[in-house]
C-alpha cells in the first residue's frame, strides 16, 4: 500500500506550502500530493481554494498578481519552487484544479522535463476530464490520475479515455464489495482522505493500492 501525503502533510504543517511538502518527505511518503492554481499574471501557485482568505477578505487567485498574493500570504509557494525544494526522486502528485488555464502549467512542466526531471516522477490529476485530456495530449508519458468523488462507472470511463489505471476516490463511498472487484479488474484505487491506518490496512487486504492522508506520520508506526 502506497502512502500519499495530502497537500504535503496537511495535518502536520500548513497545507500546500513548501514546509508541508518537506514534512511529507520527512515521513517517507511514496508521493506528495498538492493543488495548483494560476494567478492573474500566469504564475502557477500551490493553493486548494479559488481564493486566499485573509481575515474577512477573500483574494481571488485568478484576479490577483502573484506579488500581491505573496505580500498577503508569505508562504504562498510557486509550482516552480517545488522542483527546487523537493529532491528529484520524490514523486509529485499534482492536482490541477478545475477551470484553471493549463498553458502556464504546461510551460513549467516542459521546462522541468527539459532540465532532466523524469516523467515517471510526476502524476497529473484532476476532477476535470477536459483538463486531463488536454494535458494528456501534451504529456502522454506522464501518468494521469482520475479524481472522482463517488462514481466508479464514471471513473473507469474517464480512465479509459486517458489510458490510465490510476483512480482516486472519496473514502466515504469505498467498501470491500467495491474495492475487491476493482482491484481484480486491474484498477489502481486510492482512497482520499484516509487518516485511519487500521482501516487503510484492512482495505489494502481487499486490494486498495494506496491512501491519500493528512497524517503520513501515522503510517510510520
N, C-alpha and C. Protein backbone atom coordinates (compact mmCIF):
# COMPACT_ATOMS: atom_id res chain seq x y z
N UNK A 1 0.83 -1.20 0.00
CA UNK A 1 0.00 0.00 0.00
C UNK A 1 0.87 1.25 0.00
N UNK A 2 0.63 2.13 -0.96
CA UNK A 2 1.41 3.37 -1.04
C UNK A 2 0.77 4.45 -0.17
N UNK A 3 1.65 5.32 0.36
CA UNK A 3 1.22 6.42 1.20
C UNK A 3 1.46 7.73 0.46
N UNK A 4 0.40 8.50 0.30
CA UNK A 4 0.48 9.78 -0.40
C UNK A 4 0.17 10.90 0.58
N UNK A 5 1.09 11.83 0.74
CA UNK A 5 0.86 12.97 1.63
C UNK A 5 -0.13 13.94 1.00
N UNK A 6 -1.20 14.25 1.71
CA UNK A 6 -2.27 15.11 1.20
C UNK A 6 -1.94 16.58 1.40
N UNK A 7 -1.86 17.32 0.30
CA UNK A 7 -1.47 18.73 0.32
C UNK A 7 -0.15 18.90 1.07
N UNK A 8 0.76 17.97 0.82
CA UNK A 8 2.00 17.86 1.57
C UNK A 8 1.75 16.92 2.72
N UNK A 9 1.76 17.49 3.91
CA UNK A 9 1.34 16.74 5.11
C UNK A 9 0.43 17.69 5.88
N UNK A 10 -0.78 17.82 5.41
CA UNK A 10 -1.71 18.85 5.86
C UNK A 10 -1.94 18.85 7.37
N UNK A 11 -1.91 17.69 7.97
CA UNK A 11 -2.16 17.61 9.41
C UNK A 11 -0.96 17.99 10.25
N UNK A 12 0.20 18.17 9.62
CA UNK A 12 1.44 18.41 10.36
C UNK A 12 2.06 19.77 10.07
N UNK A 13 1.62 20.44 9.02
CA UNK A 13 2.15 21.75 8.64
C UNK A 13 1.12 22.44 7.75
N UNK A 14 1.20 23.75 7.59
CA UNK A 14 0.22 24.44 6.74
C UNK A 14 0.17 23.83 5.34
N UNK A 15 -1.04 23.50 4.89
CA UNK A 15 -1.21 22.77 3.63
C UNK A 15 -0.69 23.53 2.42
N UNK A 16 -0.24 22.76 1.43
CA UNK A 16 0.21 23.32 0.15
C UNK A 16 1.31 24.37 0.30
N UNK A 17 2.17 24.17 1.29
CA UNK A 17 3.36 25.02 1.46
C UNK A 17 4.60 24.15 1.29
N UNK A 18 5.72 24.80 1.07
CA UNK A 18 6.98 24.05 0.99
C UNK A 18 7.23 23.31 2.29
N UNK A 19 6.92 23.95 3.42
CA UNK A 19 7.11 23.30 4.72
C UNK A 19 6.29 22.01 4.81
N UNK A 20 5.07 22.04 4.29
CA UNK A 20 4.22 20.86 4.33
C UNK A 20 4.74 19.76 3.43
N UNK A 21 5.23 20.14 2.26
CA UNK A 21 5.79 19.14 1.34
C UNK A 21 7.02 18.47 1.95
N UNK A 22 7.88 19.28 2.56
CA UNK A 22 9.10 18.72 3.16
C UNK A 22 8.77 17.87 4.38
N UNK A 23 7.70 18.22 5.09
CA UNK A 23 7.27 17.40 6.23
C UNK A 23 6.82 16.02 5.73
N UNK A 24 6.15 15.99 4.58
CA UNK A 24 5.75 14.71 4.00
C UNK A 24 6.97 13.87 3.63
N UNK A 25 7.96 14.52 3.04
CA UNK A 25 9.21 13.82 2.70
C UNK A 25 9.85 13.24 3.95
N UNK A 26 9.83 14.02 5.02
CA UNK A 26 10.42 13.59 6.30
C UNK A 26 9.79 12.29 6.80
N UNK A 27 8.52 12.09 6.45
CA UNK A 27 7.82 10.89 6.90
C UNK A 27 7.74 9.81 5.82
N UNK A 28 8.64 9.92 4.86
CA UNK A 28 8.88 8.84 3.88
C UNK A 28 7.66 8.46 3.05
N UNK A 29 6.89 9.45 2.62
CA UNK A 29 5.75 9.15 1.76
C UNK A 29 6.23 8.62 0.41
N UNK A 30 5.38 7.90 -0.25
CA UNK A 30 5.69 7.43 -1.60
C UNK A 30 5.46 8.53 -2.64
N UNK A 31 4.52 9.41 -2.33
CA UNK A 31 4.19 10.52 -3.23
C UNK A 31 3.74 11.71 -2.40
N UNK A 32 3.93 12.91 -2.96
CA UNK A 32 3.41 14.13 -2.33
C UNK A 32 2.33 14.70 -3.24
N UNK A 33 1.10 14.82 -2.70
CA UNK A 33 0.00 15.42 -3.45
C UNK A 33 -0.12 16.89 -3.07
N UNK A 34 -0.36 17.74 -4.08
CA UNK A 34 -0.63 19.16 -3.82
C UNK A 34 -1.49 19.72 -4.94
N UNK A 35 -2.10 20.89 -4.68
CA UNK A 35 -3.03 21.52 -5.62
C UNK A 35 -2.37 22.72 -6.28
N UNK A 36 -2.70 22.96 -7.54
CA UNK A 36 -2.16 24.14 -8.21
C UNK A 36 -3.27 24.98 -8.86
N UNK A 37 -3.03 26.29 -8.81
CA UNK A 37 -3.88 27.27 -9.45
C UNK A 37 -2.98 28.30 -10.14
N UNK A 38 -3.60 29.19 -10.93
CA UNK A 38 -2.83 30.14 -11.73
C UNK A 38 -3.28 31.56 -11.41
N UNK A 39 -2.30 32.44 -11.15
CA UNK A 39 -2.59 33.83 -10.81
C UNK A 39 -2.91 34.65 -12.06
N UNK A 40 -3.30 35.90 -11.85
CA UNK A 40 -3.64 36.80 -12.95
C UNK A 40 -2.46 36.98 -13.90
N UNK A 41 -1.23 36.99 -13.35
CA UNK A 41 -0.03 37.17 -14.18
C UNK A 41 0.62 35.83 -14.55
N UNK A 42 -0.18 34.76 -14.53
CA UNK A 42 0.22 33.44 -15.04
C UNK A 42 1.33 32.76 -14.25
N UNK A 43 1.38 33.03 -12.95
CA UNK A 43 2.28 32.29 -12.08
C UNK A 43 1.49 31.13 -11.49
N UNK A 44 2.04 29.93 -11.57
CA UNK A 44 1.37 28.75 -11.03
C UNK A 44 1.73 28.63 -9.55
N UNK A 45 0.71 28.59 -8.71
CA UNK A 45 0.93 28.57 -7.25
C UNK A 45 0.22 27.38 -6.62
N UNK A 46 0.66 27.04 -5.43
CA UNK A 46 0.04 25.95 -4.67
C UNK A 46 -1.06 26.50 -3.78
N UNK A 47 -2.30 26.10 -4.07
CA UNK A 47 -3.43 26.51 -3.24
C UNK A 47 -4.63 25.65 -3.61
N UNK A 48 -5.44 25.34 -2.61
CA UNK A 48 -6.60 24.49 -2.86
C UNK A 48 -7.81 25.29 -3.32
N UNK A 49 -8.18 26.32 -2.58
CA UNK A 49 -9.39 27.08 -2.89
C UNK A 49 -9.13 28.13 -3.97
N UNK A 50 -10.23 28.66 -4.53
CA UNK A 50 -10.10 29.69 -5.56
C UNK A 50 -9.55 30.99 -5.01
N UNK A 51 -9.78 31.22 -3.71
CA UNK A 51 -9.36 32.47 -3.10
C UNK A 51 -8.53 32.22 -1.85
N UNK A 52 -7.68 33.18 -1.55
CA UNK A 52 -6.90 33.15 -0.31
C UNK A 52 -7.64 34.02 0.70
N UNK A 53 -7.94 33.48 1.85
CA UNK A 53 -8.68 34.22 2.86
C UNK A 53 -7.72 34.86 3.84
N UNK A 54 -7.80 36.19 3.95
CA UNK A 54 -7.00 36.95 4.90
C UNK A 54 -7.98 37.71 5.80
N UNK A 55 -8.21 37.19 6.98
CA UNK A 55 -9.23 37.77 7.84
C UNK A 55 -10.59 37.61 7.18
N UNK A 56 -11.29 38.72 7.00
CA UNK A 56 -12.60 38.69 6.34
C UNK A 56 -12.51 38.92 4.84
N UNK A 57 -11.29 39.10 4.36
CA UNK A 57 -11.10 39.40 2.94
C UNK A 57 -10.75 38.13 2.16
N UNK A 58 -11.33 38.02 0.96
CA UNK A 58 -11.02 36.91 0.08
C UNK A 58 -10.32 37.43 -1.16
N UNK A 59 -9.10 36.97 -1.40
CA UNK A 59 -8.33 37.39 -2.55
C UNK A 59 -8.40 36.30 -3.62
N UNK A 60 -9.18 36.53 -4.66
CA UNK A 60 -9.33 35.52 -5.69
C UNK A 60 -8.04 35.41 -6.50
N UNK A 61 -7.51 34.20 -6.57
CA UNK A 61 -6.19 33.99 -7.15
C UNK A 61 -6.12 34.41 -8.60
N UNK A 62 -7.11 34.08 -9.39
CA UNK A 62 -7.05 34.39 -10.82
C UNK A 62 -7.18 35.88 -11.11
N UNK A 63 -7.58 36.66 -10.10
CA UNK A 63 -7.76 38.10 -10.30
C UNK A 63 -6.64 38.92 -9.67
N UNK A 64 -5.64 38.25 -9.11
CA UNK A 64 -4.55 38.95 -8.43
C UNK A 64 -3.19 38.51 -8.97
N UNK A 65 -2.25 39.45 -8.97
CA UNK A 65 -0.87 39.12 -9.36
C UNK A 65 -0.19 38.36 -8.23
N UNK A 66 0.80 37.57 -8.60
CA UNK A 66 1.49 36.76 -7.61
C UNK A 66 2.10 37.61 -6.50
N UNK A 67 2.76 38.72 -6.85
CA UNK A 67 3.42 39.56 -5.84
C UNK A 67 2.42 40.08 -4.82
N UNK A 68 1.24 40.41 -5.28
CA UNK A 68 0.19 40.90 -4.38
C UNK A 68 -0.24 39.79 -3.42
N UNK A 69 -0.46 38.61 -3.96
CA UNK A 69 -0.87 37.48 -3.12
C UNK A 69 0.23 37.10 -2.14
N UNK A 70 1.45 37.13 -2.59
CA UNK A 70 2.60 36.77 -1.74
C UNK A 70 2.74 37.75 -0.57
N UNK A 71 2.43 39.01 -0.82
CA UNK A 71 2.50 40.01 0.24
C UNK A 71 1.52 39.69 1.36
N UNK A 72 0.37 39.16 0.99
CA UNK A 72 -0.64 38.82 1.98
C UNK A 72 -0.44 37.42 2.57
N UNK A 73 0.18 36.54 1.79
CA UNK A 73 0.42 35.16 2.25
C UNK A 73 1.87 34.81 1.96
N UNK A 74 2.78 35.12 2.89
CA UNK A 74 4.21 34.95 2.64
C UNK A 74 4.64 33.52 2.31
N UNK A 75 3.89 32.52 2.77
CA UNK A 75 4.29 31.13 2.49
C UNK A 75 3.64 30.59 1.21
N UNK A 76 3.04 31.45 0.41
CA UNK A 76 2.47 31.02 -0.86
C UNK A 76 3.59 30.55 -1.79
N UNK A 77 3.56 29.30 -2.14
CA UNK A 77 4.64 28.70 -2.94
C UNK A 77 4.27 28.66 -4.42
N UNK A 78 5.27 28.76 -5.27
CA UNK A 78 5.05 28.59 -6.70
C UNK A 78 5.33 27.13 -7.07
N UNK A 79 4.72 26.72 -8.17
CA UNK A 79 4.95 25.38 -8.70
C UNK A 79 6.43 25.16 -8.98
N UNK A 80 7.07 26.19 -9.52
CA UNK A 80 8.50 26.09 -9.84
C UNK A 80 9.33 25.82 -8.58
N UNK A 81 8.96 26.48 -7.48
CA UNK A 81 9.70 26.29 -6.23
C UNK A 81 9.71 24.84 -5.78
N UNK A 82 8.63 24.13 -6.03
CA UNK A 82 8.54 22.73 -5.61
C UNK A 82 9.70 21.94 -6.20
N UNK A 83 10.02 22.19 -7.45
CA UNK A 83 11.10 21.46 -8.12
C UNK A 83 12.47 21.81 -7.55
N UNK A 84 12.59 23.05 -7.03
CA UNK A 84 13.86 23.45 -6.40
C UNK A 84 14.01 22.83 -5.01
N UNK A 85 12.90 22.73 -4.28
CA UNK A 85 12.96 22.37 -2.87
C UNK A 85 12.81 20.88 -2.59
N UNK A 86 12.12 20.17 -3.44
CA UNK A 86 11.87 18.75 -3.21
C UNK A 86 12.78 17.93 -4.12
N UNK A 87 13.52 17.01 -3.53
CA UNK A 87 14.51 16.26 -4.31
C UNK A 87 13.86 15.49 -5.46
N UNK A 88 14.64 15.30 -6.50
CA UNK A 88 14.12 14.76 -7.76
C UNK A 88 13.52 13.36 -7.63
N UNK A 89 13.96 12.58 -6.65
CA UNK A 89 13.48 11.21 -6.53
C UNK A 89 12.07 11.08 -5.97
N UNK A 90 11.54 12.16 -5.42
CA UNK A 90 10.21 12.12 -4.82
C UNK A 90 9.14 12.28 -5.90
N UNK A 91 8.14 11.43 -5.88
CA UNK A 91 7.06 11.51 -6.87
C UNK A 91 6.10 12.65 -6.50
N UNK A 92 5.89 13.55 -7.46
CA UNK A 92 5.00 14.68 -7.26
C UNK A 92 3.63 14.37 -7.86
N UNK A 93 2.63 14.40 -7.02
CA UNK A 93 1.26 14.06 -7.38
C UNK A 93 0.50 15.39 -7.49
N UNK A 94 0.35 15.89 -8.70
CA UNK A 94 -0.09 17.27 -8.94
C UNK A 94 -1.58 17.29 -9.30
N UNK A 95 -2.38 17.95 -8.47
CA UNK A 95 -3.80 18.10 -8.80
C UNK A 95 -4.03 19.47 -9.41
N UNK A 96 -4.47 19.48 -10.66
CA UNK A 96 -4.82 20.73 -11.34
C UNK A 96 -6.30 20.99 -11.07
N UNK A 97 -6.59 22.11 -10.46
CA UNK A 97 -7.97 22.40 -10.09
C UNK A 97 -8.80 22.73 -11.33
N UNK A 98 -10.05 22.36 -11.29
CA UNK A 98 -10.96 22.57 -12.41
C UNK A 98 -11.05 24.05 -12.77
N UNK A 99 -11.07 24.33 -14.06
CA UNK A 99 -11.24 25.70 -14.53
C UNK A 99 -9.96 26.49 -14.66
N UNK A 100 -8.83 25.91 -14.29
CA UNK A 100 -7.56 26.63 -14.38
C UNK A 100 -7.01 26.59 -15.81
N UNK A 101 -6.37 27.68 -16.26
CA UNK A 101 -5.72 27.67 -17.58
C UNK A 101 -4.49 26.77 -17.53
N UNK A 102 -4.32 25.92 -18.53
CA UNK A 102 -3.23 24.95 -18.44
C UNK A 102 -1.93 25.40 -19.10
N UNK A 103 -1.97 26.47 -19.90
CA UNK A 103 -0.75 26.88 -20.61
C UNK A 103 0.41 27.20 -19.66
N UNK A 104 0.18 27.97 -18.57
CA UNK A 104 1.30 28.22 -17.64
C UNK A 104 1.80 26.95 -16.96
N UNK A 105 0.90 26.02 -16.72
CA UNK A 105 1.28 24.75 -16.10
C UNK A 105 2.13 23.93 -17.07
N UNK A 106 1.71 23.88 -18.32
CA UNK A 106 2.47 23.18 -19.35
C UNK A 106 3.87 23.76 -19.48
N UNK A 107 3.96 25.08 -19.42
CA UNK A 107 5.27 25.74 -19.54
C UNK A 107 6.23 25.30 -18.45
N UNK A 108 5.75 25.25 -17.21
CA UNK A 108 6.61 24.82 -16.09
C UNK A 108 7.02 23.36 -16.27
N UNK A 109 6.07 22.51 -16.60
CA UNK A 109 6.38 21.09 -16.76
C UNK A 109 7.37 20.85 -17.89
N UNK A 110 7.19 21.51 -19.00
CA UNK A 110 8.12 21.35 -20.13
C UNK A 110 9.53 21.78 -19.73
N UNK A 111 9.61 22.88 -18.99
CA UNK A 111 10.92 23.37 -18.53
C UNK A 111 11.61 22.37 -17.63
N UNK A 112 10.85 21.79 -16.69
CA UNK A 112 11.45 20.84 -15.74
C UNK A 112 11.82 19.53 -16.43
N UNK A 113 11.01 19.08 -17.37
CA UNK A 113 11.35 17.87 -18.12
C UNK A 113 12.62 18.09 -18.96
N UNK A 114 12.74 19.28 -19.50
CA UNK A 114 13.93 19.62 -20.29
C UNK A 114 15.18 19.62 -19.43
N UNK A 115 15.01 20.00 -18.15
CA UNK A 115 16.14 20.02 -17.22
C UNK A 115 16.52 18.62 -16.73
N UNK A 116 15.68 17.63 -17.04
CA UNK A 116 16.01 16.26 -16.65
C UNK A 116 15.05 15.60 -15.70
N UNK A 117 14.02 16.31 -15.28
CA UNK A 117 13.01 15.67 -14.43
C UNK A 117 12.36 14.52 -15.20
N UNK A 118 12.25 13.36 -14.59
CA UNK A 118 11.71 12.18 -15.25
C UNK A 118 10.18 12.18 -15.23
N UNK A 119 9.60 11.81 -16.36
CA UNK A 119 8.14 11.75 -16.45
C UNK A 119 7.55 10.81 -15.41
N UNK A 120 8.28 9.73 -15.10
CA UNK A 120 7.76 8.75 -14.14
C UNK A 120 7.75 9.27 -12.70
N UNK A 121 8.37 10.44 -12.46
CA UNK A 121 8.35 11.03 -11.11
C UNK A 121 7.21 12.04 -10.97
N UNK A 122 6.33 12.09 -11.98
CA UNK A 122 5.22 13.04 -11.97
C UNK A 122 3.90 12.32 -12.19
N UNK A 123 2.86 12.82 -11.55
CA UNK A 123 1.49 12.36 -11.77
C UNK A 123 0.63 13.61 -11.96
N UNK A 124 -0.28 13.56 -12.92
CA UNK A 124 -1.17 14.68 -13.16
C UNK A 124 -2.61 14.24 -12.92
N UNK A 125 -3.25 14.87 -11.94
CA UNK A 125 -4.61 14.50 -11.59
C UNK A 125 -5.54 15.69 -11.66
N UNK A 126 -6.83 15.42 -11.84
CA UNK A 126 -7.83 16.47 -11.82
C UNK A 126 -9.22 15.85 -11.73
N UNK A 127 -10.16 16.62 -11.22
CA UNK A 127 -11.57 16.23 -11.30
C UNK A 127 -12.14 16.61 -12.66
N UNK A 128 -11.41 17.44 -13.39
CA UNK A 128 -11.85 17.90 -14.71
C UNK A 128 -11.30 17.00 -15.80
N UNK A 129 -12.19 16.31 -16.51
CA UNK A 129 -11.75 15.46 -17.62
C UNK A 129 -11.18 16.31 -18.76
N UNK A 130 -11.74 17.47 -18.97
CA UNK A 130 -11.24 18.37 -20.02
C UNK A 130 -9.78 18.70 -19.79
N UNK A 131 -9.44 19.06 -18.57
CA UNK A 131 -8.05 19.39 -18.25
C UNK A 131 -7.15 18.18 -18.45
N UNK A 132 -7.58 17.02 -17.97
CA UNK A 132 -6.73 15.83 -18.10
C UNK A 132 -6.52 15.45 -19.56
N UNK A 133 -7.54 15.56 -20.37
CA UNK A 133 -7.39 15.22 -21.79
C UNK A 133 -6.44 16.19 -22.48
N UNK A 134 -6.52 17.46 -22.14
CA UNK A 134 -5.61 18.44 -22.74
C UNK A 134 -4.17 18.20 -22.29
N UNK A 135 -3.98 17.88 -21.03
CA UNK A 135 -2.63 17.58 -20.53
C UNK A 135 -2.10 16.27 -21.12
N UNK A 136 -2.99 15.31 -21.31
CA UNK A 136 -2.58 14.02 -21.86
C UNK A 136 -2.08 14.17 -23.29
N UNK A 137 -2.68 15.09 -24.02
CA UNK A 137 -2.25 15.32 -25.40
C UNK A 137 -0.82 15.86 -25.45
N UNK A 138 -0.46 16.69 -24.47
CA UNK A 138 0.88 17.28 -24.43
C UNK A 138 1.88 16.36 -23.75
N UNK A 139 1.44 15.67 -22.69
CA UNK A 139 2.34 14.82 -21.90
C UNK A 139 1.81 13.38 -21.83
N UNK A 140 1.83 12.66 -22.92
CA UNK A 140 1.27 11.30 -22.91
C UNK A 140 2.03 10.34 -22.00
N UNK A 141 3.31 10.65 -21.69
CA UNK A 141 4.12 9.74 -20.88
C UNK A 141 3.98 9.96 -19.39
N UNK A 142 3.30 11.03 -18.99
CA UNK A 142 3.06 11.27 -17.57
C UNK A 142 1.73 10.61 -17.18
N UNK A 143 1.76 9.78 -16.14
CA UNK A 143 0.55 9.08 -15.70
C UNK A 143 -0.51 10.07 -15.24
N UNK A 144 -1.74 9.83 -15.68
CA UNK A 144 -2.86 10.66 -15.27
C UNK A 144 -3.61 9.98 -14.13
N UNK A 145 -4.13 10.80 -13.23
CA UNK A 145 -4.91 10.32 -12.09
C UNK A 145 -6.33 10.85 -12.22
N UNK A 146 -7.27 9.97 -12.36
CA UNK A 146 -8.68 10.37 -12.41
C UNK A 146 -9.17 10.54 -10.98
N UNK A 147 -9.57 11.76 -10.63
CA UNK A 147 -10.10 12.04 -9.30
C UNK A 147 -11.62 12.10 -9.41
N UNK A 148 -12.26 11.22 -8.69
CA UNK A 148 -13.72 11.05 -8.83
C UNK A 148 -14.33 10.94 -7.44
N UNK A 149 -15.38 11.71 -7.21
CA UNK A 149 -15.97 11.76 -5.87
C UNK A 149 -16.66 10.46 -5.47
N UNK A 150 -17.45 9.87 -6.39
CA UNK A 150 -18.25 8.73 -5.95
C UNK A 150 -18.56 7.68 -7.01
N UNK A 151 -18.53 8.02 -8.29
CA UNK A 151 -19.00 7.09 -9.32
C UNK A 151 -17.87 6.25 -9.91
N UNK A 152 -17.89 4.96 -9.60
CA UNK A 152 -16.91 4.06 -10.18
C UNK A 152 -17.08 3.92 -11.68
N UNK A 153 -18.32 3.94 -12.14
CA UNK A 153 -18.60 3.82 -13.57
C UNK A 153 -17.98 5.00 -14.32
N UNK A 154 -18.23 6.21 -13.80
CA UNK A 154 -17.68 7.40 -14.45
C UNK A 154 -16.16 7.42 -14.35
N UNK A 155 -15.62 7.00 -13.22
CA UNK A 155 -14.18 6.99 -13.03
C UNK A 155 -13.48 6.09 -14.04
N UNK A 156 -14.00 4.89 -14.22
CA UNK A 156 -13.37 3.95 -15.16
C UNK A 156 -13.54 4.39 -16.61
N UNK A 157 -14.68 5.01 -16.91
CA UNK A 157 -14.88 5.52 -18.26
C UNK A 157 -13.87 6.63 -18.58
N UNK A 158 -13.70 7.52 -17.63
CA UNK A 158 -12.72 8.60 -17.80
C UNK A 158 -11.31 8.04 -17.95
N UNK A 159 -10.99 7.06 -17.11
CA UNK A 159 -9.64 6.47 -17.12
C UNK A 159 -9.31 5.83 -18.47
N UNK A 160 -10.29 5.16 -19.05
CA UNK A 160 -10.05 4.51 -20.36
C UNK A 160 -9.73 5.56 -21.43
N UNK A 161 -10.37 6.71 -21.35
CA UNK A 161 -10.08 7.77 -22.31
C UNK A 161 -8.65 8.28 -22.18
N UNK A 162 -8.09 8.13 -20.99
CA UNK A 162 -6.75 8.65 -20.69
C UNK A 162 -5.68 7.56 -20.66
N UNK A 163 -6.09 6.34 -20.96
CA UNK A 163 -5.15 5.21 -20.94
C UNK A 163 -4.42 5.11 -19.60
N UNK A 164 -5.20 5.22 -18.52
CA UNK A 164 -4.62 5.11 -17.19
C UNK A 164 -5.41 4.11 -16.36
N UNK A 165 -4.77 3.56 -15.35
CA UNK A 165 -5.43 2.66 -14.40
C UNK A 165 -5.56 3.31 -13.03
N UNK A 166 -5.09 4.54 -12.92
CA UNK A 166 -4.99 5.19 -11.61
C UNK A 166 -6.25 5.99 -11.29
N UNK A 167 -6.92 5.63 -10.18
CA UNK A 167 -8.14 6.29 -9.73
C UNK A 167 -7.98 6.74 -8.29
N UNK A 168 -8.42 7.97 -8.01
CA UNK A 168 -8.52 8.45 -6.62
C UNK A 168 -9.99 8.70 -6.33
N UNK A 169 -10.50 8.06 -5.26
CA UNK A 169 -11.92 8.19 -4.95
C UNK A 169 -12.14 8.49 -3.47
N UNK A 170 -13.23 9.20 -3.20
CA UNK A 170 -13.59 9.58 -1.85
C UNK A 170 -13.81 8.34 -0.99
N UNK A 171 -13.17 8.32 0.16
CA UNK A 171 -13.24 7.15 1.06
C UNK A 171 -14.67 6.85 1.51
N UNK A 172 -15.54 7.88 1.52
CA UNK A 172 -16.90 7.69 2.00
C UNK A 172 -17.70 6.70 1.17
N UNK A 173 -17.27 6.50 -0.08
CA UNK A 173 -18.01 5.63 -0.99
C UNK A 173 -17.32 4.28 -1.22
N UNK A 174 -16.25 4.03 -0.48
CA UNK A 174 -15.48 2.81 -0.69
C UNK A 174 -15.83 1.76 0.37
N UNK A 175 -15.86 0.53 -0.07
CA UNK A 175 -16.10 -0.60 0.83
C UNK A 175 -15.56 -1.86 0.14
N UNK A 176 -15.51 -2.92 0.91
CA UNK A 176 -14.91 -4.17 0.42
C UNK A 176 -15.53 -4.63 -0.91
N UNK A 177 -16.87 -4.55 -1.00
CA UNK A 177 -17.55 -5.02 -2.20
C UNK A 177 -17.27 -4.19 -3.43
N UNK A 178 -16.67 -3.01 -3.25
CA UNK A 178 -16.26 -2.19 -4.39
C UNK A 178 -14.76 -2.34 -4.65
N UNK A 179 -13.98 -2.25 -3.58
CA UNK A 179 -12.52 -2.28 -3.71
C UNK A 179 -12.04 -3.59 -4.32
N UNK A 180 -12.53 -4.70 -3.81
CA UNK A 180 -12.04 -6.01 -4.25
C UNK A 180 -12.25 -6.27 -5.74
N UNK A 181 -13.46 -6.09 -6.28
CA UNK A 181 -13.62 -6.33 -7.71
C UNK A 181 -12.88 -5.32 -8.57
N UNK A 182 -12.76 -4.09 -8.11
CA UNK A 182 -12.00 -3.08 -8.88
C UNK A 182 -10.53 -3.50 -8.98
N UNK A 183 -9.99 -3.97 -7.87
CA UNK A 183 -8.60 -4.42 -7.86
C UNK A 183 -8.40 -5.61 -8.79
N UNK A 184 -9.33 -6.55 -8.76
CA UNK A 184 -9.22 -7.74 -9.60
C UNK A 184 -9.31 -7.41 -11.08
N UNK A 185 -9.96 -6.29 -11.40
CA UNK A 185 -10.05 -5.87 -12.80
C UNK A 185 -8.85 -5.02 -13.23
N UNK A 186 -7.91 -4.84 -12.31
CA UNK A 186 -6.66 -4.16 -12.67
C UNK A 186 -6.61 -2.68 -12.39
N UNK A 187 -7.63 -2.14 -11.71
CA UNK A 187 -7.62 -0.72 -11.40
C UNK A 187 -6.76 -0.44 -10.17
N UNK A 188 -6.01 0.64 -10.20
CA UNK A 188 -5.19 1.07 -9.06
C UNK A 188 -6.00 2.11 -8.30
N UNK A 189 -6.60 1.68 -7.21
CA UNK A 189 -7.55 2.51 -6.49
C UNK A 189 -6.91 3.11 -5.24
N UNK A 190 -7.02 4.45 -5.12
CA UNK A 190 -6.51 5.19 -3.97
C UNK A 190 -7.68 5.86 -3.27
N UNK A 191 -7.64 5.90 -1.94
CA UNK A 191 -8.71 6.50 -1.14
C UNK A 191 -8.27 7.84 -0.59
N UNK A 192 -9.16 8.85 -0.74
CA UNK A 192 -8.88 10.14 -0.09
C UNK A 192 -10.08 10.53 0.77
N UNK A 193 -9.88 11.26 1.80
CA UNK A 193 -8.64 11.46 2.54
C UNK A 193 -8.73 10.52 3.73
N UNK A 194 -7.81 9.57 3.83
CA UNK A 194 -7.93 8.49 4.81
C UNK A 194 -6.83 8.61 5.86
N UNK A 195 -7.26 8.93 7.08
CA UNK A 195 -6.31 9.15 8.18
C UNK A 195 -6.37 8.03 9.23
N UNK A 196 -6.94 6.91 8.86
CA UNK A 196 -7.10 5.78 9.76
C UNK A 196 -6.26 4.60 9.27
N UNK A 197 -5.06 4.40 9.82
CA UNK A 197 -4.18 3.34 9.34
C UNK A 197 -4.78 1.94 9.48
N UNK A 198 -5.58 1.72 10.50
CA UNK A 198 -6.18 0.39 10.70
C UNK A 198 -7.13 0.08 9.55
N UNK A 199 -8.00 1.03 9.24
CA UNK A 199 -8.93 0.84 8.13
C UNK A 199 -8.16 0.73 6.81
N UNK A 200 -7.14 1.55 6.65
CA UNK A 200 -6.35 1.53 5.42
C UNK A 200 -5.72 0.17 5.18
N UNK A 201 -5.17 -0.41 6.22
CA UNK A 201 -4.53 -1.73 6.06
C UNK A 201 -5.55 -2.82 5.79
N UNK A 202 -6.73 -2.68 6.39
CA UNK A 202 -7.80 -3.65 6.11
C UNK A 202 -8.22 -3.53 4.65
N UNK A 203 -8.37 -2.31 4.18
CA UNK A 203 -8.75 -2.10 2.79
C UNK A 203 -7.64 -2.54 1.83
N UNK A 204 -6.40 -2.40 2.28
CA UNK A 204 -5.28 -2.88 1.45
C UNK A 204 -5.39 -4.39 1.24
N UNK A 205 -5.89 -5.10 2.23
CA UNK A 205 -6.06 -6.55 2.09
C UNK A 205 -7.15 -6.88 1.07
N UNK A 206 -8.03 -5.91 0.80
CA UNK A 206 -9.07 -6.10 -0.22
C UNK A 206 -8.57 -5.70 -1.61
N UNK A 207 -7.40 -5.01 -1.64
CA UNK A 207 -6.84 -4.62 -2.92
C UNK A 207 -6.62 -3.13 -3.11
N UNK A 208 -6.87 -2.32 -2.07
CA UNK A 208 -6.62 -0.88 -2.18
C UNK A 208 -5.14 -0.64 -2.45
N UNK A 209 -4.85 0.17 -3.46
CA UNK A 209 -3.45 0.39 -3.86
C UNK A 209 -2.75 1.40 -2.97
N UNK A 210 -3.50 2.37 -2.42
CA UNK A 210 -2.85 3.39 -1.61
C UNK A 210 -3.84 4.32 -0.95
N UNK A 211 -3.31 5.16 -0.05
CA UNK A 211 -4.12 6.14 0.66
C UNK A 211 -3.52 7.52 0.50
N UNK A 212 -4.41 8.51 0.47
CA UNK A 212 -4.01 9.91 0.50
C UNK A 212 -4.38 10.42 1.88
N UNK A 213 -3.38 10.86 2.65
CA UNK A 213 -3.59 11.12 4.06
C UNK A 213 -2.99 12.45 4.51
N UNK A 214 -3.67 13.08 5.48
CA UNK A 214 -3.16 14.31 6.10
C UNK A 214 -2.03 14.02 7.07
N UNK A 215 -1.98 12.77 7.56
CA UNK A 215 -1.05 12.40 8.63
C UNK A 215 -0.18 11.22 8.22
N UNK A 216 0.80 11.45 7.36
CA UNK A 216 1.67 10.33 6.95
C UNK A 216 2.46 9.73 8.10
N UNK A 217 2.63 10.51 9.18
CA UNK A 217 3.37 10.01 10.35
C UNK A 217 2.67 8.82 10.97
N UNK A 218 1.34 8.76 10.87
CA UNK A 218 0.60 7.65 11.47
C UNK A 218 0.92 6.33 10.80
N UNK A 219 1.34 6.39 9.56
CA UNK A 219 1.62 5.16 8.80
C UNK A 219 3.06 4.69 8.96
N UNK A 220 3.85 5.44 9.73
CA UNK A 220 5.22 5.04 10.01
C UNK A 220 5.30 4.20 11.28
N UNK A 221 4.18 4.15 12.01
CA UNK A 221 4.20 3.49 13.33
C UNK A 221 3.89 2.01 13.22
